[in-house]
């Protein structure tokens, strides 16, 4: 699946391969990729929104870090 939908597919040409490209480039890119999500809230579900929770995880790890960043006022 990595050759079709992996993170590295966004950074090289689909039909051509560079002769000097590292063999493990896609795996290395996945190893350094972090996913981050910020949950924004407000009392009446209209702007202005405040960040309530943030979470992040390395792409290849199952551990997710959650942070409560503020309370809704």
Protein backbone atom coordinates (compact mmCIF):
# COMPACT_ATOMS: atom_id res chain seq x y z
CA UNK A 1 0.00 0.00 0.00
CA UNK A 2 2.90 2.38 0.64
CA UNK A 3 3.67 2.56 -3.11
CA UNK A 4 0.06 3.61 -3.84
CA UNK A 5 -1.08 5.74 -0.88
CA UNK A 6 1.95 6.30 1.34
CA UNK A 7 3.07 9.73 2.49
CA UNK A 8 6.02 9.62 0.09
CA UNK A 9 3.74 9.45 -2.96
CA UNK A 10 3.03 13.17 -2.48
CA UNK A 11 6.73 14.00 -2.88
CA UNK A 12 7.82 12.17 -6.02
CA UNK A 13 6.59 11.62 -9.54
CA UNK A 14 4.09 8.79 -10.01
CA UNK A 15 5.56 7.37 -13.24
CA UNK A 16 9.26 8.20 -13.06
CA UNK A 17 11.92 7.23 -10.54
CA UNK A 18 15.14 9.14 -9.98
CA UNK A 19 18.13 6.84 -10.29
CA UNK A 20 19.80 8.37 -7.23
CA UNK A 21 16.70 8.43 -4.97
CA UNK A 22 17.24 6.70 -1.60
CA UNK A 23 15.54 3.30 -1.42
CA UNK A 24 14.05 3.99 1.99
CA UNK A 25 12.84 7.55 1.33
CA UNK A 26 9.13 6.73 1.78
CA UNK A 27 9.70 4.84 5.05
CA UNK A 28 11.94 7.66 6.36
CA UNK A 29 9.27 10.25 5.57
CA UNK A 30 6.60 8.21 7.36
CA UNK A 31 8.88 7.84 10.38
CA UNK A 32 9.15 11.65 10.80
CA UNK A 33 5.49 12.48 10.05
CA UNK A 34 3.35 13.70 12.95
CA UNK A 35 -0.44 14.09 12.82
CA UNK A 36 -1.97 16.94 14.84
CA UNK A 37 -5.62 17.82 15.48
CA UNK A 38 -6.95 20.88 17.30
CA UNK A 39 -10.56 20.93 18.54
CA UNK A 40 -12.09 24.41 18.49
CA UNK A 41 -15.23 25.26 20.51
CA UNK A 42 -17.49 28.14 21.49
CA UNK A 43 -20.55 28.47 23.70
CA UNK A 44 -22.99 29.09 20.83
CA UNK A 45 -21.14 27.21 18.06
CA UNK A 46 -20.28 30.47 16.30
CA UNK A 47 -17.11 32.55 16.02
CA UNK A 48 -14.99 33.36 17.89
CA UNK A 49 -13.80 29.80 18.54
CA UNK A 50 -11.20 28.87 21.12
CA UNK A 51 -8.87 25.91 21.09
CA UNK A 52 -10.19 23.43 23.67
CA UNK A 53 -8.15 20.29 23.04
CA UNK A 54 -5.14 19.37 20.98
CA UNK A 55 -3.88 15.89 20.21
CA UNK A 56 -0.98 14.54 18.21
CA UNK A 57 0.61 11.25 17.28
CA UNK A 58 3.49 10.01 15.21
CA UNK A 59 2.09 8.46 12.03
CA UNK A 60 3.47 5.00 12.74
CA UNK A 61 2.80 4.83 16.49
CA UNK A 62 -0.43 3.98 18.28
CA UNK A 63 0.24 6.39 21.17
CA UNK A 64 -1.82 9.61 21.04
CA UNK A 65 -0.98 12.63 23.18
CA UNK A 66 -3.93 14.77 24.35
CA UNK A 67 -3.63 18.30 25.69
CA UNK A 68 -6.39 20.42 27.22
CA UNK A 69 -5.44 23.92 26.17
CA UNK A 70 -8.29 26.11 27.43
CA UNK A 71 -11.79 26.15 28.78
CA UNK A 72 -14.78 27.53 26.85
CA UNK A 73 -15.86 30.86 28.25
